[in-house]
Amino acid sequence: MPKMRYVILQQQQALQFVEMPEEYAYQLSALNLRLNKEIDKLTADNVPDLPLAVAECDALELLREGYTLESGIDYINRLERAFAAIQESHYPLIALLTEIRALQAQLEQWYEEEAENAH
């Protein structure tokens, strides 16, 4: 069983919980902090609201109904779609998308290797 870490994100009063392979959790947190730093520079109308990474932990048990755990690959795919849809002309959005897609590719490879090892 692979070792997982959990990244806790906050958007206003709402919390999101993302399960990441241990070796990639820090990358998601760092990417999130960078995106939050850069997002105010985007001038497009359809810039997504981003949660802010507030914590990482090794174990997580959700105790309240309504909270769900999202897999890292699902979260990063959703993030990539949101940023790919931005119609930005004044800021080099490609740099942010490149960072998102790099982590996305690493996660895809990790999940493929885990699936192969499970057989």
PDB file of N, CA and C in Angstrom:
ATOM      1  N   MET A   1       0.848  -1.190   0.000  1.00  0.00           N
ATOM      2  CA  MET A   1       0.000   0.000   0.000  1.00  0.00           C
ATOM      3  C   MET A   1       0.890   1.250   0.000  1.00  0.00           C
ATOM      4  N   PRO A   2       0.688   2.128  -0.963  1.00  0.00           N
ATOM      5  CA  PRO A   2       1.527   3.325  -1.042  1.00  0.00           C
ATOM      6  C   PRO A   2       1.243   4.287   0.114  1.00  0.00           C
ATOM      7  N   LYS A   3       2.255   5.023   0.496  1.00  0.00           N
ATOM      8  CA  LYS A   3       2.120   6.010   1.558  1.00  0.00           C
ATOM      9  C   LYS A   3       1.508   7.270   0.976  1.00  0.00           C
ATOM     10  N   MET A   4       0.452   7.746   1.626  1.00  0.00           N
ATOM     11  CA  MET A   4      -0.246   8.930   1.144  1.00  0.00           C
ATOM     12  C   MET A   4      -0.126  10.053   2.173  1.00  0.00           C
ATOM     13  N   ARG A   5      -0.252  11.284   1.673  1.00  0.00           N
ATOM     14  CA  ARG A   5      -0.348  12.468   2.526  1.00  0.00           C
ATOM     15  C   ARG A   5      -1.606  13.209   2.106  1.00  0.00           C
ATOM     16  N   TYR A   6      -2.035  14.075   2.961  1.00  0.00           N
ATOM     17  CA  TYR A   6      -3.280  14.797   2.733  1.00  0.00           C
ATOM     18  C   TYR A   6      -3.008  16.291   2.761  1.00  0.00           C
ATOM     19  N   VAL A   7      -3.484  16.974   1.743  1.00  0.00           N
ATOM     20  CA  VAL A   7      -3.350  18.423   1.658  1.00  0.00           C
ATOM     21  C   VAL A   7      -4.728  18.998   1.955  1.00  0.00           C
ATOM     22  N   ILE A   8      -4.759  19.902   2.903  1.00  0.00           N
ATOM     23  CA  ILE A   8      -6.016  20.539   3.296  1.00  0.00           C
ATOM     24  C   ILE A   8      -6.018  21.946   2.706  1.00  0.00           C
ATOM     25  N   LEU A   9      -7.075  22.225   1.943  1.00  0.00           N
ATOM     26  CA  LEU A   9      -7.229  23.503   1.266  1.00  0.00           C
ATOM     27  C   LEU A   9      -8.438  24.223   1.852  1.00  0.00           C
ATOM     28  N   GLN A  10      -8.359  25.548   1.916  1.00  0.00           N
ATOM     29  CA  GLN A  10      -9.477  26.334   2.428  1.00  0.00           C
ATOM     30  C   GLN A  10      -9.859  27.399   1.419  1.00  0.00           C
ATOM     31  N   GLN A  11     -11.166  27.499   1.175  1.00  0.00           N
ATOM     32  CA  GLN A  11     -11.715  28.529   0.292  1.00  0.00           C
ATOM     33  C   GLN A  11     -12.866  29.174   1.046  1.00  0.00           C
ATOM     34  N   GLN A  12     -12.688  30.429   1.443  1.00  0.00           N
ATOM     35  CA  GLN A  12     -13.575  31.098   2.381  1.00  0.00           C
ATOM     36  C   GLN A  12     -13.700  30.192   3.619  1.00  0.00           C
ATOM     37  N   GLN A  13     -14.897  29.740   3.950  1.00  0.00           N
ATOM     38  CA  GLN A  13     -15.067  28.880   5.125  1.00  0.00           C
ATOM     39  C   GLN A  13     -15.083  27.389   4.776  1.00  0.00           C
ATOM     40  N   ALA A  14     -15.009  27.069   3.491  1.00  0.00           N
ATOM     41  CA  ALA A  14     -15.086  25.674   3.063  1.00  0.00           C
ATOM     42  C   ALA A  14     -13.692  25.033   3.046  1.00  0.00           C
ATOM     43  N   LEU A  15     -13.651  23.774   3.426  1.00  0.00           N
ATOM     44  CA  LEU A  15     -12.413  23.006   3.391  1.00  0.00           C
ATOM     45  C   LEU A  15     -12.485  21.949   2.303  1.00  0.00           C
ATOM     46  N   GLN A  16     -11.340  21.675   1.685  1.00  0.00           N
ATOM     47  CA  GLN A  16     -11.214  20.602   0.702  1.00  0.00           C
ATOM     48  C   GLN A  16     -10.060  19.726   1.151  1.00  0.00           C
ATOM     49  N   PHE A  17     -10.186  18.426   0.930  1.00  0.00           N
ATOM     50  CA  PHE A  17      -9.177  17.468   1.349  1.00  0.00           C
ATOM     51  C   PHE A  17      -8.716  16.682   0.126  1.00  0.00           C
ATOM     52  N   VAL A  18      -7.410  16.741  -0.149  1.00  0.00           N
ATOM     53  CA  VAL A  18      -6.859  16.088  -1.326  1.00  0.00           C
ATOM     54  C   VAL A  18      -5.840  15.044  -0.880  1.00  0.00           C
ATOM     55  N   GLU A  19      -6.047  13.803  -1.344  1.00  0.00           N
ATOM     56  CA  GLU A  19      -5.134  12.705  -1.034  1.00  0.00           C
ATOM     57  C   GLU A  19      -4.063  12.628  -2.113  1.00  0.00           C
ATOM     58  N   MET A  20      -2.817  12.752  -1.693  1.00  0.00           N
ATOM     59  CA  MET A  20      -1.691  12.762  -2.626  1.00  0.00           C
ATOM     60  C   MET A  20      -0.702  11.666  -2.277  1.00  0.00           C
ATOM     61  N   PRO A  21      -0.029  11.112  -3.289  1.00  0.00           N
ATOM     62  CA  PRO A  21       1.109  10.244  -2.975  1.00  0.00           C
ATOM     63  C   PRO A  21       2.097  11.071  -2.138  1.00  0.00           C
ATOM     64  N   GLU A  22       2.655  10.446  -1.132  1.00  0.00           N
ATOM     65  CA  GLU A  22       3.510  11.167  -0.177  1.00  0.00           C
ATOM     66  C   GLU A  22       4.563  12.041  -0.859  1.00  0.00           C
ATOM     67  N   GLU A  23       5.212  11.504  -1.891  1.00  0.00           N
ATOM     68  CA  GLU A  23       6.306  12.249  -2.512  1.00  0.00           C
ATOM     69  C   GLU A  23       5.847  13.430  -3.360  1.00  0.00           C
ATOM     70  N   TYR A  24       4.543  13.597  -3.557  1.00  0.00           N
ATOM     71  CA  TYR A  24       4.041  14.704  -4.375  1.00  0.00           C
ATOM     72  C   TYR A  24       3.192  15.707  -3.601  1.00  0.00           C
ATOM     73  N   ALA A  25       2.910  15.450  -2.349  1.00  0.00           N
ATOM     74  CA  ALA A  25       2.062  16.355  -1.565  1.00  0.00           C
ATOM     75  C   ALA A  25       2.685  17.740  -1.461  1.00  0.00           C
ATOM     76  N   TYR A  26       3.978  17.780  -1.185  1.00  0.00           N
ATOM     77  CA  TYR A  26       4.637  19.086  -1.069  1.00  0.00           C
ATOM     78  C   TYR A  26       4.551  19.854  -2.384  1.00  0.00           C
ATOM     79  N   GLN A  27       4.678  19.150  -3.507  1.00  0.00           N
ATOM     80  CA  GLN A  27       4.596  19.817  -4.806  1.00  0.00           C
ATOM     81  C   GLN A  27       3.221  20.445  -5.014  1.00  0.00           C
ATOM     82  N   LEU A  28       2.170  19.752  -4.584  1.00  0.00           N
ATOM     83  CA  LEU A  28       0.835  20.329  -4.716  1.00  0.00           C
ATOM     84  C   LEU A  28       0.708  21.573  -3.843  1.00  0.00           C
ATOM     85  N   SER A  29       1.192  21.494  -2.615  1.00  0.00           N
ATOM     86  CA  SER A  29       1.127  22.655  -1.717  1.00  0.00           C
ATOM     87  C   SER A  29       1.907  23.830  -2.297  1.00  0.00           C
ATOM     88  N   ALA A  30       3.109  23.571  -2.795  1.00  0.00           N
ATOM     89  CA  ALA A  30       3.928  24.640  -3.373  1.00  0.00           C
ATOM     90  C   ALA A  30       3.275  25.223  -4.628  1.00  0.00           C
ATOM     91  N   LEU A  31       2.714  24.362  -5.472  1.00  0.00           N
ATOM     92  CA  LEU A  31       2.012  24.829  -6.671  1.00  0.00           C
ATOM     93  C   LEU A  31       0.823  25.700  -6.280  1.00  0.00           C
ATOM     94  N   ASN A  32       0.076  25.270  -5.293  1.00  0.00           N
ATOM     95  CA  ASN A  32      -1.081  26.033  -4.838  1.00  0.00           C
ATOM     96  C   ASN A  32      -0.658  27.418  -4.346  1.00  0.00           C
ATOM     97  N   LEU A  33       0.401  27.483  -3.561  1.00  0.00           N
ATOM     98  CA  LEU A  33       0.863  28.771  -3.053  1.00  0.00           C
ATOM     99  C   LEU A  33       1.330  29.671  -4.194  1.00  0.00           C
ATOM    100  N   ARG A  34       2.016  29.096  -5.185  1.00  0.00           N
ATOM    101  CA  ARG A  34       2.465  29.883  -6.340  1.00  0.00           C
ATOM    102  C   ARG A  34       1.279  30.386  -7.151  1.00  0.00           C
ATOM    103  N   LEU A  35       0.302  29.520  -7.408  1.00  0.00           N
ATOM    104  CA  LEU A  35      -0.871  29.938  -8.175  1.00  0.00           C
ATOM    105  C   LEU A  35      -1.613  31.058  -7.451  1.00  0.00           C
ATOM    106  N   ASN A  36      -1.744  30.939  -6.134  1.00  0.00           N
ATOM    107  CA  ASN A  36      -2.417  31.994  -5.368  1.00  0.00           C
ATOM    108  C   ASN A  36      -1.645  33.306  -5.432  1.00  0.00           C
ATOM    109  N   LYS A  37      -0.331  33.226  -5.487  1.00  0.00           N
ATOM    110  CA  LYS A  37       0.503  34.431  -5.581  1.00  0.00           C
ATOM    111  C   LYS A  37       0.335  35.103  -6.941  1.00  0.00           C
ATOM    112  N   GLU A  38       0.180  34.298  -7.994  1.00  0.00           N
ATOM    113  CA  GLU A  38       0.142  34.821  -9.363  1.00  0.00           C
ATOM    114  C   GLU A  38      -1.267  35.125  -9.877  1.00  0.00           C
ATOM    115  N   ILE A  39      -2.287  34.557  -9.281  1.00  0.00           N
ATOM    116  CA  ILE A  39      -3.636  34.635  -9.868  1.00  0.00           C
ATOM    117  C   ILE A  39      -4.168  36.070  -9.946  1.00  0.00           C
ATOM    118  N   ASP A  40      -3.750  36.926  -9.030  1.00  0.00           N
ATOM    119  CA  ASP A  40      -4.214  38.319  -9.066  1.00  0.00           C
ATOM    120  C   ASP A  40      -3.672  39.079 -10.267  1.00  0.00           C
ATOM    121  N   LYS A  41      -2.640  38.550 -10.906  1.00  0.00           N
ATOM    122  CA  LYS A  41      -2.056  39.204 -12.082  1.00  0.00           C
ATOM    123  C   LYS A  41      -2.836  38.891 -13.356  1.00  0.00           C
ATOM    124  N   LEU A  42      -3.718  37.903 -13.290  1.00  0.00           N
ATOM    125  CA  LEU A  42      -4.511  37.539 -14.464  1.00  0.00           C
ATOM    126  C   LEU A  42      -5.633  38.549 -14.643  1.00  0.00           C
ATOM    127  N   THR A  43      -5.888  38.908 -15.894  1.00  0.00           N
ATOM    128  CA  THR A  43      -6.890  39.936 -16.180  1.00  0.00           C
ATOM    129  C   THR A  43      -8.150  39.380 -16.850  1.00  0.00           C
ATOM    130  N   ALA A  44      -8.176  38.100 -17.140  1.00  0.00           N
ATOM    131  CA  ALA A  44      -9.337  37.496 -17.821  1.00  0.00           C
ATOM    132  C   ALA A  44     -10.549  37.497 -16.896  1.00  0.00           C
ATOM    133  N   ASP A  45     -11.721  37.352 -17.502  1.00  0.00           N
ATOM    134  CA  ASP A  45     -12.968  37.335 -16.734  1.00  0.00           C
ATOM    135  C   ASP A  45     -13.223  35.998 -16.052  1.00  0.00           C
ATOM    136  N   ASN A  46     -12.695  34.921 -16.617  1.00  0.00           N
ATOM    137  CA  ASN A  46     -13.036  33.583 -16.118  1.00  0.00           C
ATOM    138  C   ASN A  46     -11.930  32.953 -15.272  1.00  0.00           C
ATOM    139  N   VAL A  47     -11.247  33.776 -14.462  1.00  0.00           N
ATOM    140  CA  VAL A  47     -10.206  33.259 -13.577  1.00  0.00           C
ATOM    141  C   VAL A  47     -10.883  32.510 -12.423  1.00  0.00           C
ATOM    142  N   PRO A  48     -10.481  31.276 -12.179  1.00  0.00           N
ATOM    143  CA  PRO A  48     -11.140  30.508 -11.116  1.00  0.00           C
ATOM    144  C   PRO A  48     -10.763  31.016  -9.726  1.00  0.00           C
ATOM    145  N   ASP A  49     -11.672  30.840  -8.790  1.00  0.00           N
ATOM    146  CA  ASP A  49     -11.352  31.096  -7.388  1.00  0.00           C
ATOM    147  C   ASP A  49     -10.544  29.916  -6.900  1.00  0.00           C
ATOM    148  N   LEU A  50      -9.419  30.189  -6.274  1.00  0.00           N
ATOM    149  CA  LEU A  50      -8.561  29.117  -5.796  1.00  0.00           C
ATOM    150  C   LEU A  50      -8.622  29.007  -4.283  1.00  0.00           C
ATOM    151  N   PRO A  51      -8.680  27.786  -3.790  1.00  0.00           N
ATOM    152  CA  PRO A  51      -8.508  27.624  -2.347  1.00  0.00           C
ATOM    153  C   PRO A  51      -7.036  27.838  -2.011  1.00  0.00           C
ATOM    154  N   LEU A  52      -6.737  27.984  -0.741  1.00  0.00           N
ATOM    155  CA  LEU A  52      -5.367  28.155  -0.285  1.00  0.00           C
ATOM    156  C   LEU A  52      -4.970  26.928   0.522  1.00  0.00           C
ATOM    157  N   ALA A  53      -3.805  26.363   0.207  1.00  0.00           N
ATOM    158  CA  ALA A  53      -3.294  25.231   0.986  1.00  0.00           C
ATOM    159  C   ALA A  53      -2.992  25.735   2.393  1.00  0.00           C
ATOM    160  N   VAL A  54      -3.582  25.075   3.397  1.00  0.00           N
ATOM    161  CA  VAL A  54      -3.386  25.512   4.779  1.00  0.00           C
ATOM    162  C   VAL A  54      -2.666  24.477   5.630  1.00  0.00           C
ATOM    163  N   ALA A  55      -2.636  23.217   5.179  1.00  0.00           N
ATOM    164  CA  ALA A  55      -1.973  22.192   5.987  1.00  0.00           C
ATOM    165  C   ALA A  55      -1.742  20.934   5.166  1.00  0.00           C
ATOM    166  N   GLU A  56      -0.780  20.149   5.640  1.00  0.00           N
ATOM    167  CA  GLU A  56      -0.531  18.795   5.144  1.00  0.00           C
ATOM    168  C   GLU A  56      -0.465  17.888   6.362  1.00  0.00           C
ATOM    169  N   CYS A  57      -0.901  16.645   6.188  1.00  0.00           N
ATOM    170  CA  CYS A  57      -0.794  15.694   7.285  1.00  0.00           C
ATOM    171  C   CYS A  57      -0.637  14.279   6.725  1.00  0.00           C
ATOM    172  N   ASP A  58      -0.155  13.378   7.582  1.00  0.00           N
ATOM    173  CA  ASP A  58       0.085  11.993   7.174  1.00  0.00           C
ATOM    174  C   ASP A  58      -1.144  11.107   7.303  1.00  0.00           C
ATOM    175  N   ALA A  59      -2.029  11.447   8.210  1.00  0.00           N
ATOM    176  CA  ALA A  59      -3.234  10.644   8.417  1.00  0.00           C
ATOM    177  C   ALA A  59      -4.420  11.587   8.478  1.00  0.00           C
ATOM    178  N   LEU A  60      -5.531  11.128   7.950  1.00  0.00           N
ATOM    179  CA  LEU A  60      -6.723  11.963   7.941  1.00  0.00           C
ATOM    180  C   LEU A  60      -7.943  11.077   8.074  1.00  0.00           C
ATOM    181  N   GLU A  61      -8.791  11.411   9.003  1.00  0.00           N
ATOM    182  CA  GLU A  61     -10.068  10.742   9.153  1.00  0.00           C
ATOM    183  C   GLU A  61     -11.136  11.819   9.158  1.00  0.00           C
ATOM    184  N   LEU A  62     -11.986  11.804   8.154  1.00  0.00           N
ATOM    185  CA  LEU A  62     -13.048  12.803   8.054  1.00  0.00           C
ATOM    186  C   LEU A  62     -14.189  12.414   8.996  1.00  0.00           C
ATOM    187  N   LEU A  63     -14.573  13.329   9.849  1.00  0.00           N
ATOM    188  CA  LEU A  63     -15.572  13.025  10.871  1.00  0.00           C
ATOM    189  C   LEU A  63     -16.917  13.676  10.603  1.00  0.00           C
ATOM    190  N   ARG A  64     -16.982  14.610   9.707  1.00  0.00           N
ATOM    191  CA  ARG A  64     -18.243  15.292   9.430  1.00  0.00           C
ATOM    192  C   ARG A  64     -18.801  14.856   8.090  1.00  0.00           C
ATOM    193  N   GLU A  65     -20.090  14.622   8.086  1.00  0.00           N
ATOM    194  CA  GLU A  65     -20.776  14.293   6.851  1.00  0.00           C
ATOM    195  C   GLU A  65     -20.680  15.486   5.906  1.00  0.00           C
ATOM    196  N   GLY A  66     -20.557  15.216   4.642  1.00  0.00           N
ATOM    197  CA  GLY A  66     -20.479  16.290   3.661  1.00  0.00           C
ATOM    198  C   GLY A  66     -19.066  16.567   3.198  1.00  0.00           C
ATOM    199  N   TYR A  67     -18.086  16.213   4.010  1.00  0.00           N
ATOM    200  CA  TYR A  67     -16.704  16.340   3.564  1.00  0.00           C
ATOM    201  C   TYR A  67     -16.319  15.108   2.780  1.00  0.00           C
ATOM    202  N   THR A  68     -15.564  15.317   1.719  1.00  0.00           N
ATOM    203  CA  THR A  68     -15.101  14.191   0.918  1.00  0.00           C
ATOM    204  C   THR A  68     -13.603  14.314   0.698  1.00  0.00           C
ATOM    205  N   LEU A  69     -13.021  13.201   0.376  1.00  0.00           N
ATOM    206  CA  LEU A  69     -11.603  13.138   0.071  1.00  0.00           C
ATOM    207  C   LEU A  69     -11.471  13.012  -1.438  1.00  0.00           C
ATOM    208  N   GLU A  70     -10.740  13.929  -2.043  1.00  0.00           N
ATOM    209  CA  GLU A  70     -10.558  13.922  -3.492  1.00  0.00           C
ATOM    210  C   GLU A  70      -9.159  13.387  -3.807  1.00  0.00           C
ATOM    211  N   SER A  71      -9.062  12.532  -4.800  1.00  0.00           N
ATOM    212  CA  SER A  71      -7.743  12.017  -5.178  1.00  0.00           C
ATOM    213  C   SER A  71      -6.936  13.146  -5.809  1.00  0.00           C
ATOM    214  N   GLY A  72      -5.628  13.059  -5.652  1.00  0.00           N
ATOM    215  CA  GLY A  72      -4.745  14.080  -6.202  1.00  0.00           C
ATOM    216  C   GLY A  72      -4.873  14.228  -7.703  1.00  0.00           C
ATOM    217  N   ILE A  73      -5.030  13.115  -8.410  1.00  0.00           N
ATOM    218  CA  ILE A  73      -5.137  13.187  -9.861  1.00  0.00           C
ATOM    219  C   ILE A  73      -6.446  13.863 -10.277  1.00  0.00           C
ATOM    220  N   ASP A  74      -7.535  13.591  -9.562  1.00  0.00           N
ATOM    221  CA  ASP A  74      -8.802  14.263  -9.874  1.00  0.00           C
ATOM    222  C   ASP A  74      -8.695  15.765  -9.626  1.00  0.00           C
ATOM    223  N   TYR A  75      -8.065  16.127  -8.519  1.00  0.00           N
ATOM    224  CA  TYR A  75      -7.916  17.547  -8.195  1.00  0.00           C
ATOM    225  C   TYR A  75      -7.063  18.263  -9.239  1.00  0.00           C
ATOM    226  N   ILE A  76      -5.922  17.683  -9.586  1.00  0.00           N
ATOM    227  CA  ILE A  76      -5.012  18.345 -10.535  1.00  0.00           C
ATOM    228  C   ILE A  76      -5.635  18.388 -11.935  1.00  0.00           C
ATOM    229  N   ASN A  77      -6.413  17.379 -12.309  1.00  0.00           N
ATOM    230  CA  ASN A  77      -7.113  17.415 -13.600  1.00  0.00           C
ATOM    231  C   ASN A  77      -8.141  18.539 -13.625  1.00  0.00           C
ATOM    232  N   ARG A  78      -8.860  18.705 -12.537  1.00  0.00           N
ATOM    233  CA  ARG A  78      -9.856  19.781 -12.433  1.00  0.00           C
ATOM    234  C   ARG A  78      -9.165  21.147 -12.487  1.00  0.00           C
ATOM    235  N   LEU A  79      -8.036  21.261 -11.796  1.00  0.00           N
ATOM    236  CA  LEU A  79      -7.267  22.503 -11.794  1.00  0.00           C
ATOM    237  C   LEU A  79      -6.748  22.822 -13.195  1.00  0.00           C
ATOM    238  N   GLU A  80      -6.249  21.814 -13.890  1.00  0.00           N
ATOM    239  CA  GLU A  80      -5.737  22.015 -15.242  1.00  0.00           C
ATOM    240  C   GLU A  80      -6.848  22.486 -16.183  1.00  0.00           C
ATOM    241  N   ARG A  81      -8.024  21.863 -16.082  1.00  0.00           N
ATOM    242  CA  ARG A  81      -9.155  22.280 -16.935  1.00  0.00           C
ATOM    243  C   ARG A  81      -9.549  23.728 -16.654  1.00  0.00           C
ATOM    244  N   ALA A  82      -9.564  24.114 -15.389  1.00  0.00           N
ATOM    245  CA  ALA A  82      -9.951  25.479 -15.023  1.00  0.00           C
ATOM    246  C   ALA A  82      -8.961  26.499 -15.580  1.00  0.00           C
ATOM    247  N   PHE A  83      -7.666  26.196 -15.486  1.00  0.00           N
ATOM    248  CA  PHE A  83      -6.667  27.139 -15.990  1.00  0.00           C
ATOM    249  C   PHE A  83      -6.573  27.105 -17.506  1.00  0.00           C
ATOM    250  N   ALA A  84      -6.798  25.956 -18.122  1.00  0.00           N
ATOM    251  CA  ALA A  84      -6.769  25.872 -19.587  1.00  0.00           C
ATOM    252  C   ALA A  84      -7.918  26.669 -20.203  1.00  0.00           C
ATOM    253  N   ALA A  85      -9.001  26.860 -19.471  1.00  0.00           N
ATOM    254  CA  ALA A  85     -10.167  27.579 -19.983  1.00  0.00           C
ATOM    255  C   ALA A  85     -10.018  29.097 -19.883  1.00  0.00           C
ATOM    256  N   ILE A  86      -9.010  29.571 -19.175  1.00  0.00           N
ATOM    257  CA  ILE A  86      -8.823  31.016 -19.014  1.00  0.00           C
ATOM    258  C   ILE A  86      -8.389  31.619 -20.346  1.00  0.00           C
ATOM    259  N   GLN A  87      -9.056  32.678 -20.728  1.00  0.00           N
ATOM    260  CA  GLN A  87      -8.716  33.404 -21.959  1.00  0.00           C
ATOM    261  C   GLN A  87      -7.895  34.629 -21.566  1.00  0.00           C
ATOM    262  N   GLU A  88      -6.608  34.415 -21.338  1.00  0.00           N
ATOM    263  CA  GLU A  88      -5.721  35.478 -20.855  1.00  0.00           C
ATOM    264  C   GLU A  88      -4.836  35.969 -21.988  1.00  0.00           C
ATOM    265  N   SER A  89      -4.701  37.292 -22.100  1.00  0.00           N
ATOM    266  CA  SER A  89      -3.836  37.826 -23.146  1.00  0.00           C
ATOM    267  C   SER A  89      -2.737  38.728 -22.590  1.00  0.00           C
ATOM    268  N   HIS A  90      -2.815  39.123 -21.335  1.00  0.00           N
ATOM    269  CA  HIS A  90      -1.854  40.081 -20.795  1.00  0.00           C
ATOM    270  C   HIS A  90      -0.813  39.461 -19.868  1.00  0.00           C
ATOM    271  N   TYR A  91      -0.966  38.247 -19.492  1.00  0.00           N
ATOM    272  CA  TYR A  91      -0.039  37.618 -18.551  1.00  0.00           C
ATOM    273  C   TYR A  91       0.361  36.256 -19.101  1.00  0.00           C
ATOM    274  N   PRO A  92       1.596  35.868 -18.954  1.00  0.00           N
ATOM    275  CA  PRO A  92       2.041  34.572 -19.504  1.00  0.00           C
ATOM    276  C   PRO A  92       1.450  33.380 -18.744  1.00  0.00           C
ATOM    277  N   LEU A  93       0.207  33.105 -19.007  1.00  0.00           N
ATOM    278  CA  LEU A  93      -0.514  32.012 -18.373  1.00  0.00           C
ATOM    279  C   LEU A  93       0.155  30.667 -18.653  1.00  0.00           C
ATOM    280  N   ILE A  94       0.851  30.565 -19.764  1.00  0.00           N
ATOM    281  CA  ILE A  94       1.466  29.297 -20.158  1.00  0.00           C
ATOM    282  C   ILE A  94       2.433  28.795 -19.080  1.00  0.00           C
ATOM    283  N   ALA A  95       3.107  29.686 -18.382  1.00  0.00           N
ATOM    284  CA  ALA A  95       4.037  29.270 -17.324  1.00  0.00           C
ATOM    285  C   ALA A  95       3.284  28.573 -16.193  1.00  0.00           C
ATOM    286  N   LEU A  96       2.132  29.103 -15.818  1.00  0.00           N
ATOM    287  CA  LEU A  96       1.335  28.474 -14.758  1.00  0.00           C
ATOM    288  C   LEU A  96       0.782  27.138 -15.231  1.00  0.00           C
ATOM    289  N   LEU A  97       0.287  27.108 -16.454  1.00  0.00           N
ATOM    290  CA  LEU A  97      -0.237  25.861 -17.011  1.00  0.00           C
ATOM    291  C   LEU A  97       0.858  24.805 -17.117  1.00  0.00           C
ATOM    292  N   THR A  98       2.059  25.218 -17.453  1.00  0.00           N
ATOM    293  CA  THR A  98       3.175  24.283 -17.551  1.00  0.00           C
ATOM    294  C   THR A  98       3.459  23.639 -16.196  1.00  0.00           C
ATOM    295  N   GLU A  99       3.424  24.429 -15.135  1.00  0.00           N
ATOM    296  CA  GLU A  99       3.653  23.886 -13.794  1.00  0.00           C
ATOM    297  C   GLU A  99       2.548  22.907 -13.398  1.00  0.00           C
ATOM    298  N   ILE A 100       1.309  23.267 -13.700  1.00  0.00           N
ATOM    299  CA  ILE A 100       0.180  22.386 -13.396  1.00  0.00           C
ATOM    300  C   ILE A 100       0.326  21.077 -14.172  1.00  0.00           C
ATOM    301  N   ARG A 101       0.627  21.188 -15.457  1.00  0.00           N
ATOM    302  CA  ARG A 101       0.713  19.995 -16.303  1.00  0.00           C
ATOM    303  C   ARG A 101       1.909  19.114 -15.953  1.00  0.00           C
ATOM    304  N   ALA A 102       2.978  19.698 -15.438  1.00  0.00           N
ATOM    305  CA  ALA A 102       4.130  18.902 -15.019  1.00  0.00           C
ATOM    306  C   ALA A 102       3.740  18.008 -13.838  1.00  0.00           C
ATOM    307  N   LEU A 103       3.063  18.572 -12.856  1.00  0.00           N
ATOM    308  CA  LEU A 103       2.612  17.770 -11.721  1.00  0.00           C
ATOM    309  C   LEU A 103       1.562  16.761 -12.174  1.00  0.00           C
ATOM    310  N   GLN A 104       0.704  17.166 -13.097  1.00  0.00           N
ATOM    311  CA  GLN A 104      -0.312  16.265 -13.635  1.00  0.00           C
ATOM    312  C   GLN A 104       0.343  15.043 -14.283  1.00  0.00           C
ATOM    313  N   ALA A 105       1.376  15.256 -15.073  1.00  0.00           N
ATOM    314  CA  ALA A 105       2.068  14.149 -15.737  1.00  0.00           C
ATOM    315  C   ALA A 105       2.746  13.232 -14.726  1.00  0.00           C
ATOM    316  N   GLN A 106       3.352  13.805 -13.700  1.00  0.00           N
ATOM    317  CA  GLN A 106       3.987  12.997 -12.661  1.00  0.00           C
ATOM    318  C   GLN A 106       2.955  12.130 -11.940  1.00  0.00           C
ATOM    319  N   LEU A 107       1.803  12.713 -11.639  1.00  0.00           N
ATOM    320  CA  LEU A 107       0.752  11.957 -10.946  1.00  0.00           C
ATOM    321  C   LEU A 107       0.186  10.858 -11.840  1.00  0.00           C
ATOM    322  N   GLU A 108      -0.021  11.171 -13.113  1.00  0.00           N
ATOM    323  CA  GLU A 108      -0.521  10.149 -14.036  1.00  0.00           C
ATOM    324  C   GLU A 108       0.432   8.960 -14.083  1.00  0.00           C
ATOM    325  N   GLN A 109       1.729   9.237 -14.160  1.00  0.00           N
ATOM    326  CA  GLN A 109       2.717   8.164 -14.188  1.00  0.00           C
ATOM    327  C   GLN A 109       2.686   7.381 -12.871  1.00  0.00           C
ATOM    328  N   TRP A 110       2.588   8.078 -11.759  1.00  0.00           N
ATOM    329  CA  TRP A 110       2.559   7.413 -10.454  1.00  0.00           C
ATOM    330  C   TRP A 110       1.355   6.474 -10.357  1.00  0.00           C
ATOM    331  N   TYR A 111       0.176   6.962 -10.751  1.00  0.00           N
ATOM    332  CA  TYR A 111      -1.030   6.133 -10.679  1.00  0.00           C
ATOM    333  C   TYR A 111      -0.946   4.939 -11.627  1.00  0.00           C
ATOM    334  N   GLU A 112      -0.359   5.140 -12.817  1.00  0.00           N
ATOM    335  CA  GLU A 112      -0.172   4.015 -13.755  1.00  0.00           C
ATOM    336  C   GLU A 112       0.746   2.959 -13.169  1.00  0.00           C
ATOM    337  N   GLU A 113       1.851   3.393 -12.559  1.00  0.00           N
ATOM    338  CA  GLU A 113       2.781   2.442 -11.948  1.00  0.00           C
ATOM    339  C   GLU A 113       2.130   1.697 -10.787  1.00  0.00           C
ATOM    340  N   GLU A 114       1.320   2.390 -10.008  1.00  0.00           N
ATOM    341  CA  GLU A 114       0.615   1.736  -8.896  1.00  0.00           C
ATOM    342  C   GLU A 114      -0.375   0.700  -9.413  1.00  0.00           C
ATOM    343  N   ALA A 115      -1.049   1.022 -10.507  1.00  0.00           N
ATOM    344  CA  ALA A 115      -2.007   0.080 -11.093  1.00  0.00           C
ATOM    345  C   ALA A 115      -1.279  -1.162 -11.615  1.00  0.00           C
ATOM    346  N   GLU A 116      -0.115  -0.953 -12.242  1.00  0.00           N
ATOM    347  CA  GLU A 116       0.666  -2.078 -12.740  1.00  0.00           C
ATOM    348  C   GLU A 116       1.178  -2.950 -11.592  1.00  0.00           C
ATOM    349  N   ASN A 117       1.622  -2.339 -10.526  1.00  0.00           N
ATOM    350  CA  ASN A 117       2.136  -3.067  -9.370  1.00  0.00           C
ATOM    351  C   ASN A 117       1.052  -3.827  -8.633  1.00  0.00           C
ATOM    352  N   ALA A 118      -0.184  -3.402  -8.786  1.00  0.00           N
ATOM    353  CA  ALA A 118      -1.306  -4.062  -8.106  1.00  0.00           C
ATOM    354  C   ALA A 118      -1.681  -5.373  -8.784  1.00  0.00           C
ATOM    355  N   HIS A 119      -1.246  -5.568 -10.021  1.00  0.00           N
ATOM    356  CA  HIS A 119      -1.617  -6.778 -10.770  1.00  0.00           C
ATOM    357  C   HIS A 119      -0.651  -7.880 -10.499  1.00  0.00           C
TER     358      HIS A 119
END
